[in-house]
Structure formats: C-alpha cells, structure tokens
C-alpha atoms as a PDB file:
ATOM      1  CA  MET A   1     -47.580  57.966  13.474  1.00  0.00           C
ATOM      2  CA  LYS A   2     -46.322  57.790   9.912  1.00  0.00           C
ATOM      3  CA  LEU A   3     -42.785  58.186  11.227  1.00  0.00           C
ATOM      4  CA  LEU A   4     -43.225  55.263  13.619  1.00  0.00           C
ATOM      5  CA  TYR A   5     -44.659  53.151  10.806  1.00  0.00           C
ATOM      6  CA  ARG A   6     -41.726  53.976   8.555  1.00  0.00           C
ATOM      7  CA  LEU A   7     -39.263  53.155  11.350  1.00  0.00           C
ATOM      8  CA  PHE A   8     -41.059  49.824  11.870  1.00  0.00           C
ATOM      9  CA  ILE A   9     -40.854  48.973   8.161  1.00  0.00           C
ATOM     10  CA  LEU A  10     -37.185  50.006   8.084  1.00  0.00           C
ATOM     11  CA  THR A  11     -36.437  47.799  11.095  1.00  0.00           C
ATOM     12  CA  LEU A  12     -38.140  44.839   9.402  1.00  0.00           C
ATOM     13  CA  LEU A  13     -36.149  45.405   6.203  1.00  0.00           C
ATOM     14  CA  ILE A  14     -32.872  45.601   8.128  1.00  0.00           C
ATOM     15  CA  SER A  15     -33.715  42.408  10.063  1.00  0.00           C
ATOM     16  CA  PHE A  16     -34.669  40.632   6.849  1.00  0.00           C
ATOM     17  CA  TYR A  17     -31.462  41.773   5.156  1.00  0.00           C
ATOM     18  CA  GLN A  18     -29.330  40.673   8.105  1.00  0.00           C
ATOM     19  CA  CYS A  19     -31.068  37.279   8.215  1.00  0.00           C
ATOM     20  CA  ASP A  20     -30.634  36.863   4.476  1.00  0.00           C
ATOM     21  CA  ALA A  21     -26.990  37.919   4.751  1.00  0.00           C
ATOM     22  CA  LYS A  22     -26.432  35.350   7.501  1.00  0.00           C
ATOM     23  CA  LYS A  23     -28.012  32.633   5.357  1.00  0.00           C
ATOM     24  CA  GLU A  24     -25.857  33.651   2.412  1.00  0.00           C
ATOM     25  CA  SER A  25     -22.740  33.715   4.610  1.00  0.00           C
ATOM     26  CA  LYS A  26     -23.603  30.272   5.990  1.00  0.00           C
ATOM     27  CA  LYS A  27     -24.203  28.988   2.460  1.00  0.00           C
ATOM     28  CA  GLU A  28     -20.858  30.404   1.295  1.00  0.00           C
ATOM     29  CA  LYS A  29     -19.144  28.862   4.315  1.00  0.00           C
ATOM     30  CA  THR A  30     -20.727  25.465   3.533  1.00  0.00           C
ATOM     31  CA  ILE A  31     -19.611  25.718  -0.096  1.00  0.00           C
ATOM     32  CA  LEU A  32     -16.117  26.729   1.049  1.00  0.00           C
ATOM     33  CA  ASN A  33     -15.948  23.802   3.479  1.00  0.00           C
ATOM     34  CA  LYS A  34     -17.078  21.435   0.715  1.00  0.00           C
ATOM     35  CA  THR A  35     -14.432  22.869  -1.609  1.00  0.00           C
ATOM     36  CA  ILE A  36     -11.720  22.416   1.023  1.00  0.00           C
ATOM     37  CA  LYS A  37     -12.920  18.866   1.731  1.00  0.00           C
ATOM     38  CA  GLN A  38     -13.013  18.055  -1.995  1.00  0.00           C
ATOM     39  CA  LYS A  39      -9.474  19.348  -2.402  1.00  0.00           C
ATOM     40  CA  GLU A  40      -8.313  17.250   0.539  1.00  0.00           C
ATOM     41  CA  GLU A  41      -9.999  14.171  -0.952  1.00  0.00           C
ATOM     42  CA  GLU A  42      -8.519  14.912  -4.370  1.00  0.00           C
ATOM     43  CA  LYS A  43      -5.082  14.678  -2.813  1.00  0.00           C
ATOM     44  CA  ILE A  44      -5.881  11.025  -2.197  1.00  0.00           C
ATOM     45  CA  ILE A  45      -8.272   9.948  -4.967  1.00  0.00           C
ATOM     46  CA  LYS A  46      -6.923  11.840  -7.966  1.00  0.00           C
ATOM     47  CA  PRO A  47      -4.629   9.945 -10.399  1.00  0.00           C
ATOM     48  CA  TRP A  48      -2.810   7.300  -8.422  1.00  0.00           C
ATOM     49  CA  ASP A  49       0.681   8.547  -9.176  1.00  0.00           C
ATOM     50  CA  SER A  50       0.058  11.164  -6.488  1.00  0.00           C
ATOM     51  CA  LEU A  51       1.443   8.702  -3.929  1.00  0.00           C
ATOM     52  CA  ASN A  52       4.562  10.010  -2.211  1.00  0.00           C
ATOM     53  CA  SER A  53       6.515   9.742   1.025  1.00  0.00           C
ATOM     54  CA  THR A  54       4.391  12.395   2.762  1.00  0.00           C
ATOM     55  CA  ASN A  55       0.912  10.936   2.195  1.00  0.00           C
ATOM     56  CA  THR A  56       1.693   7.206   2.254  1.00  0.00           C
ATOM     57  CA  GLU A  57      -0.739   6.013   4.909  1.00  0.00           C
ATOM     58  CA  ALA A  58      -3.656   8.269   3.910  1.00  0.00           C
ATOM     59  CA  PHE A  59      -3.223   7.376   0.254  1.00  0.00           C
ATOM     60  CA  LEU A  60      -2.992   3.621   0.803  1.00  0.00           C
ATOM     61  CA  LEU A  61      -5.918   3.475   3.240  1.00  0.00           C
ATOM     62  CA  GLU A  62      -8.123   5.288   0.715  1.00  0.00           C
ATOM     63  CA  TYR A  63      -6.775   3.152  -2.127  1.00  0.00           C
ATOM     64  CA  GLY A  64      -7.540   0.044  -0.100  1.00  0.00           C
ATOM     65  CA  LYS A  65     -11.174   1.076   0.328  1.00  0.00           C
ATOM     66  CA  GLN A  66     -11.540   1.362  -3.426  1.00  0.00           C
ATOM     67  CA  ASN A  67      -9.510  -1.765  -4.241  1.00  0.00           C
ATOM     68  CA  PRO A  68     -10.549  -4.548  -1.832  1.00  0.00           C
ATOM     69  CA  GLU A  69      -8.878  -7.479  -3.643  1.00  0.00           C
ATOM     70  CA  THR A  70      -7.108 -10.017  -1.446  1.00  0.00           C
ATOM     71  CA  LYS A  71      -5.794 -12.668  -3.860  1.00  0.00           C
ATOM     72  CA  VAL A  72      -2.903 -12.440  -6.316  1.00  0.00           C
ATOM     73  CA  ILE A  73      -0.830 -14.848  -8.369  1.00  0.00           C
ATOM     74  CA  ILE A  74       2.918 -14.821  -8.999  1.00  0.00           C
ATOM     75  CA  LYS A  75       3.808 -16.346 -12.364  1.00  0.00           C
ATOM     76  CA  THR A  76       7.321 -17.672 -13.031  1.00  0.00           C
ATOM     77  CA  LYS A  77       8.948 -20.134 -15.423  1.00  0.00           C
ATOM     78  CA  PHE A  78       8.930 -22.628 -12.562  1.00  0.00           C
ATOM     79  CA  GLY A  79       5.173 -22.378 -12.066  1.00  0.00           C
ATOM     80  CA  ASN A  80       2.699 -20.209 -10.213  1.00  0.00           C
ATOM     81  CA  ILE A  81       2.329 -19.183  -6.586  1.00  0.00           C
ATOM     82  CA  LYS A  82      -1.039 -17.980  -5.306  1.00  0.00           C
ATOM     83  CA  LEU A  83      -1.158 -15.591  -2.375  1.00  0.00           C
ATOM     84  CA  ARG A  84      -3.893 -14.431  -0.026  1.00  0.00           C
ATOM     85  CA  LEU A  85      -3.450 -10.975   1.501  1.00  0.00           C
ATOM     86  CA  TYR A  86      -4.767 -10.284   4.994  1.00  0.00           C
ATOM     87  CA  GLU A  87      -7.404  -7.611   5.502  1.00  0.00           C
ATOM     88  CA  ASP A  88      -6.276  -6.726   9.038  1.00  0.00           C
ATOM     89  CA  VAL A  89      -3.073  -5.168   7.699  1.00  0.00           C
ATOM     90  CA  PRO A  90      -4.786  -2.600   5.452  1.00  0.00           C
ATOM     91  CA  VAL A  91      -1.792  -0.462   4.495  1.00  0.00           C
ATOM     92  CA  HIS A  92       0.434  -3.380   3.469  1.00  0.00           C
ATOM     93  CA  ARG A  93      -2.398  -5.117   1.622  1.00  0.00           C
ATOM     94  CA  ALA A  94      -3.345  -1.982  -0.298  1.00  0.00           C
ATOM     95  CA  ASN A  95       0.292  -1.315  -1.131  1.00  0.00           C
ATOM     96  CA  PHE A  96       0.770  -4.763  -2.651  1.00  0.00           C
ATOM     97  CA  ILE A  97      -2.432  -4.397  -4.679  1.00  0.00           C
ATOM     98  CA  PHE A  98      -1.375  -0.924  -5.824  1.00  0.00           C
ATOM     99  CA  LEU A  99       2.056  -2.094  -7.021  1.00  0.00           C
ATOM    100  CA  THR A 100       0.461  -5.099  -8.700  1.00  0.00           C
ATOM    101  CA  LYS A 101      -2.045  -2.956 -10.585  1.00  0.00           C
ATOM    102  CA  ILE A 102       0.563  -0.479 -11.845  1.00  0.00           C
ATOM    103  CA  LYS A 103       2.606  -3.541 -12.934  1.00  0.00           C
ATOM    104  CA  TYR A 104       5.643  -2.551 -10.903  1.00  0.00           C
ATOM    105  CA  PHE A 105       6.431  -6.170 -10.014  1.00  0.00           C
ATOM    106  CA  ASN A 106       6.442  -7.216 -13.675  1.00  0.00           C
ATOM    107  CA  THR A 107       9.797  -5.476 -14.154  1.00  0.00           C
ATOM    108  CA  THR A 108      11.319  -7.141 -11.102  1.00  0.00           C
ATOM    109  CA  VAL A 109      12.748 -10.572 -10.313  1.00  0.00           C
ATOM    110  CA  ILE A 110      13.027 -13.029  -7.488  1.00  0.00           C
ATOM    111  CA  TYR A 111      16.407 -11.694  -6.466  1.00  0.00           C
ATOM    112  CA  ARG A 112      17.174 -13.694  -3.331  1.00  0.00           C
ATOM    113  CA  VAL A 113      16.899 -17.394  -2.692  1.00  0.00           C
ATOM    114  CA  ALA A 114      18.114 -18.209   0.805  1.00  0.00           C
ATOM    115  CA  LYS A 115      18.130 -21.987   0.988  1.00  0.00           C
ATOM    116  CA  ASN A 116      15.704 -23.436   3.533  1.00  0.00           C
ATOM    117  CA  PHE A 117      14.784 -19.946   4.681  1.00  0.00           C
ATOM    118  CA  VAL A 118      13.084 -17.403   2.378  1.00  0.00           C
ATOM    119  CA  ILE A 119      12.429 -16.562  -1.272  1.00  0.00           C
ATOM    120  CA  GLN A 120      12.505 -12.823  -1.862  1.00  0.00           C
ATOM    121  CA  GLY A 121      11.321 -10.663  -4.761  1.00  0.00           C
ATOM    122  CA  GLY A 122      10.428  -7.139  -5.830  1.00  0.00           C
ATOM    123  CA  ASN A 123      13.721  -5.676  -7.054  1.00  0.00           C
ATOM    124  CA  SER A 124      15.931  -5.827 -10.138  1.00  0.00           C
ATOM    125  CA  ASP A 125      18.729  -4.108 -12.020  1.00  0.00           C
ATOM    126  CA  ASN A 126      16.173  -2.905 -14.554  1.00  0.00           C
ATOM    127  CA  MET A 127      16.339   0.885 -14.983  1.00  0.00           C
ATOM    128  CA  TYR A 128      12.542   1.071 -15.205  1.00  0.00           C
ATOM    129  CA  THR A 129      12.296  -0.579 -11.789  1.00  0.00           C
ATOM    130  CA  GLN A 130      14.602   2.006 -10.266  1.00  0.00           C
ATOM    131  CA  LYS A 131      12.739   4.806 -12.033  1.00  0.00           C
ATOM    132  CA  GLN A 132       9.444   3.615 -10.541  1.00  0.00           C
ATOM    133  CA  ARG A 133      10.956   3.558  -7.077  1.00  0.00           C
ATOM    134  CA  ARG A 134      12.264   7.090  -7.456  1.00  0.00           C
ATOM    135  CA  LYS A 135       8.928   8.243  -8.871  1.00  0.00           C
ATOM    136  CA  TYR A 136       7.143   7.414  -5.630  1.00  0.00           C
ATOM    137  CA  GLY A 137       9.939   8.671  -3.430  1.00  0.00           C
ATOM    138  CA  ASN A 138      10.953   5.303  -2.001  1.00  0.00           C
ATOM    139  CA  TYR A 139       8.241   5.705   0.635  1.00  0.00           C
ATOM    140  CA  LEU A 140       8.182   3.502   3.739  1.00  0.00           C
ATOM    141  CA  MET A 141       5.317   1.972   5.718  1.00  0.00           C
ATOM    142  CA  LYS A 142       4.741   1.751   9.443  1.00  0.00           C
ATOM    143  CA  PRO A 143       4.687  -1.847  10.733  1.00  0.00           C
ATOM    144  CA  GLU A 144       1.311  -3.521  11.174  1.00  0.00           C
ATOM    145  CA  PHE A 145       2.191  -6.230  13.634  1.00  0.00           C
ATOM    146  CA  ARG A 146      -0.537  -8.651  14.659  1.00  0.00           C
ATOM    147  CA  ASN A 147       0.367 -11.059  17.441  1.00  0.00           C
ATOM    148  CA  HIS A 148      -1.446 -13.921  15.720  1.00  0.00           C
ATOM    149  CA  ARG A 149       0.435 -13.347  12.431  1.00  0.00           C
ATOM    150  CA  LYS A 150       3.554 -15.484  12.572  1.00  0.00           C
ATOM    151  CA  HIS A 151       6.360 -16.317  10.174  1.00  0.00           C
ATOM    152  CA  LYS A 152       4.989 -19.765   9.471  1.00  0.00           C
ATOM    153  CA  TYR A 153       5.824 -21.822   6.396  1.00  0.00           C
ATOM    154  CA  GLY A 154       4.416 -19.900   3.437  1.00  0.00           C
ATOM    155  CA  ALA A 155       4.065 -16.571   5.251  1.00  0.00           C
ATOM    156  CA  LEU A 156       4.281 -13.479   3.039  1.00  0.00           C
ATOM    157  CA  ALA A 157       6.057 -10.527   4.662  1.00  0.00           C
ATOM    158  CA  ALA A 158       7.539  -7.126   3.868  1.00  0.00           C
ATOM    159  CA  ALA A 159      11.292  -6.707   3.664  1.00  0.00           C
ATOM    160  CA  ARG A 160      12.941  -3.825   5.509  1.00  0.00           C
ATOM    161  CA  GLN A 161      16.278  -2.299   6.397  1.00  0.00           C
ATOM    162  CA  TRP A 162      17.613  -3.411   9.767  1.00  0.00           C
ATOM    163  CA  GLU A 163      20.221  -0.689  10.219  1.00  0.00           C
ATOM    164  CA  ASN A 164      19.094   2.810  11.237  1.00  0.00           C
ATOM    165  CA  ASN A 165      15.462   1.723  11.274  1.00  0.00           C
ATOM    166  CA  PRO A 166      14.343   1.681  14.934  1.00  0.00           C
ATOM    167  CA  ASN A 167      10.656   1.921  13.964  1.00  0.00           C
ATOM    168  CA  LYS A 168      10.887  -1.186  11.778  1.00  0.00           C
ATOM    169  CA  LEU A 169       9.469   0.590   8.740  1.00  0.00           C
ATOM    170  CA  SER A 170       8.673  -1.711   5.820  1.00  0.00           C
ATOM    171  CA  SER A 171       9.959  -1.443   2.293  1.00  0.00           C
ATOM    172  CA  PRO A 172       6.934  -1.174   0.004  1.00  0.00           C
ATOM    173  CA  PHE A 173       8.661  -2.738  -2.989  1.00  0.00           C
ATOM    174  CA  GLU A 174      10.289  -5.909  -1.669  1.00  0.00           C
ATOM    175  CA  PHE A 175       8.642  -8.945  -0.120  1.00  0.00           C
ATOM    176  CA  TYR A 176       9.559 -12.466   0.864  1.00  0.00           C
ATOM    177  CA  MET A 177       7.893 -15.822   1.388  1.00  0.00           C
ATOM    178  CA  VAL A 178       9.008 -18.166   4.147  1.00  0.00           C
ATOM    179  CA  HIS A 179      10.183 -21.440   2.659  1.00  0.00           C
ATOM    180  CA  LYS A 180      11.435 -23.093   5.834  1.00  0.00           C
ATOM    181  CA  ARG A 181       9.004 -25.818   6.894  1.00  0.00           C
ATOM    182  CA  SER A 182       9.301 -24.968  10.578  1.00  0.00           C
ATOM    183  CA  GLY A 183       8.885 -21.250   9.902  1.00  0.00           C
ATOM    184  CA  ALA A 184      11.170 -18.294  10.619  1.00  0.00           C
ATOM    185  CA  HIS A 185       9.827 -17.214  13.984  1.00  0.00           C
ATOM    186  CA  HIS A 186      12.850 -15.137  14.943  1.00  0.00           C
ATOM    187  CA  LEU A 187      11.364 -12.605  12.489  1.00  0.00           C
ATOM    188  CA  ASP A 188       7.990 -12.396  14.269  1.00  0.00           C
ATOM    189  CA  ASN A 189       7.219  -8.757  15.128  1.00  0.00           C
ATOM    190  CA  GLU A 190      10.341  -7.720  13.265  1.00  0.00           C
ATOM    191  CA  HIS A 191       8.759  -7.729   9.795  1.00  0.00           C
ATOM    192  CA  THR A 192       5.084  -7.256   8.980  1.00  0.00           C
ATOM    193  CA  VAL A 193       3.397 -10.464   7.824  1.00  0.00           C
ATOM    194  CA  PHE A 194       0.630  -9.408   5.448  1.00  0.00           C
ATOM    195  CA  GLY A 195      -0.373 -12.602   3.630  1.00  0.00           C
ATOM    196  CA  GLU A 196       0.358 -16.241   2.939  1.00  0.00           C
ATOM    197  CA  VAL A 197       0.918 -18.727   0.149  1.00  0.00           C
ATOM    198  CA  ILE A 198      -2.251 -20.717  -0.523  1.00  0.00           C
ATOM    199  CA  SER A 199      -0.909 -22.813  -3.419  1.00  0.00           C
ATOM    200  CA  GLY A 200       2.310 -23.249  -5.333  1.00  0.00           C
ATOM    201  CA  PHE A 201       4.500 -24.706  -2.615  1.00  0.00           C
ATOM    202  CA  ASP A 202       5.942 -27.048  -5.241  1.00  0.00           C
ATOM    203  CA  THR A 203       6.926 -23.990  -7.273  1.00  0.00           C
ATOM    204  CA  MET A 204       8.729 -22.609  -4.235  1.00  0.00           C
ATOM    205  CA  ASP A 205      10.564 -25.929  -3.897  1.00  0.00           C
ATOM    206  CA  LYS A 206      11.745 -25.688  -7.511  1.00  0.00           C
ATOM    207  CA  ILE A 207      12.908 -22.098  -7.073  1.00  0.00           C
ATOM    208  CA  SER A 208      14.790 -23.026  -3.912  1.00  0.00           C
ATOM    209  CA  LYS A 209      17.023 -25.359  -5.909  1.00  0.00           C
ATOM    210  CA  VAL A 210      18.421 -22.790  -8.362  1.00  0.00           C
ATOM    211  CA  LYS A 211      22.093 -21.857  -8.273  1.00  0.00           C
ATOM    212  CA  VAL A 212      22.836 -18.602  -6.480  1.00  0.00           C
ATOM    213  CA  GLY A 213      25.849 -16.365  -5.979  1.00  0.00           C
ATOM    214  CA  VAL A 214      27.488 -15.430  -2.681  1.00  0.00           C
ATOM    215  CA  ASP A 215      24.826 -12.747  -2.230  1.00  0.00           C
ATOM    216  CA  GLU A 216      22.063 -15.361  -2.689  1.00  0.00           C
ATOM    217  CA  TRP A 217      21.020 -13.700  -5.959  1.00  0.00           C
ATOM    218  CA  PRO A 218      20.169 -16.431  -8.529  1.00  0.00           C
ATOM    219  CA  ILE A 219      22.835 -16.860 -11.210  1.00  0.00           C
ATOM    220  CA  ASN A 220      20.059 -16.749 -13.806  1.00  0.00           C
ATOM    221  CA  ASP A 221      17.387 -14.138 -13.174  1.00  0.00           C
ATOM    222  CA  ILE A 222      13.971 -15.481 -12.223  1.00  0.00           C
ATOM    223  CA  GLN A 223      11.535 -13.173 -13.980  1.00  0.00           C
ATOM    224  CA  MET A 224       8.044 -12.894 -12.577  1.00  0.00           C
ATOM    225  CA  THR A 225       4.719 -11.212 -13.145  1.00  0.00           C
ATOM    226  CA  ILE A 226       2.077 -10.642 -10.505  1.00  0.00           C
ATOM    227  CA  GLU A 227      -1.628 -10.371 -11.301  1.00  0.00           C
ATOM    228  CA  ILE A 228      -4.857  -9.896  -9.375  1.00  0.00           C
ATOM    229  CA  LEU A 229      -6.981 -13.025  -9.021  1.00  0.00           C
ATOM    230  CA  GLU A 230     -10.710 -12.482  -9.484  1.00  0.00           C
END
C-alpha cells in the first residue's frame, strides 16, 4: 500500500514538473518571439539613418505612421510655394516628409526650369547633397499611381529615370511641379503624383522667367529650403 502511495505521489510530482516545464517553455518562447519582434521593429524605428535600398517601403510606411504631416513650404528668393501632400500615396508622402525633416532639400536647388512645362528641384552640385544620396543608397520607390491623380496645373510629382526603368520606379530625391496651365497629362501614370501646390503660383511664374542654359538648368542657382507647415 505504501508503495502504491509513493508511486502516486511520484506520478503527481512528475506531472507537476512536466506542466511547470511546459509553462516555462511557453513563457520562454513568448519572450523569444517578443525579442524577435522587437528586433524586427527596431530595424524600422531605430535612428532614422537606417533607411537603405533594401528596406525602403517598410521603413517609409512606418515612418509615415509616426510622421503624419501633409503640408510643407518651399522658400526661395522669389517667394514661397505651399504644398499639400496626398495621404493615399503613403510611401511618397512619407519620403518627402523624411527628406524635409533631415533637411536634405536645404542643400539642393531648383535645377530645371522647363518653360511652360515643369519646375524641378531636389538636386545640386553640392558635395553634401551627393553624400546624403550615397548615404541612403540612392534607393528607389515603387510607383503609387491613382487614376484620379492627374498631372494638372500645380501637380507635385516624383521624377524618375525613363531608360532601363520598366517598373517606373521613382527617384526619392527629385520632384517637379507642373507649371503648364493645361497640365502635363502625357505624364499621367508615368510618374507618381503625390501632392499639389496650394499657394505660390505667382512664385512659380517668377521662377519660370529666369534664364536657363541648354540643359534647362538656371544660369543662377535658385536656392531653396523646405519646411514642415504646422
């Protein structure tokens, strides 16, 4: 009888130990999963210079959640241009906000003035500008075409390479504003439209009159700064 009792107690102890071990294993697994998840999140939300050509979309979508601003202002010696960024193109919007906040654009110029067509900015001969581009690996963005987003007068769109770019990937650094009154609709669904000019059309008119070279680069650089509007 004593032997049976001891066997019963031993069985209970083994069952208890196994149950406790399972709980501990489950707890460790949960902690491990949390650690893995945290590490994955850290890849996106740690210091923002972690952006590179391999995590572009994930990074910018997360950045966009944490930085929901939609209005910016371009300041030039000719006056200001206010822009509204569209929320239904989340990657392009977040990218523009990101570059604005790290002050990338403040080292660039309006480098192309195509008369009665577009005004383009976001590049320069400045070594710092080129260094910034190399720092982030000259990443590209998938197009975010929206059928209702057209190249109307004042449309803000992303520049891109046309050659060897079948997927129409956008340049993150260069943008243009449509200055043609009737729009530039041959570019619809060729370049991603991600915002529009909401004021400063007179400033665009002034810029359009500057002297340019054969490459449409203004003879005198048009410096600019871009800031977030509250």
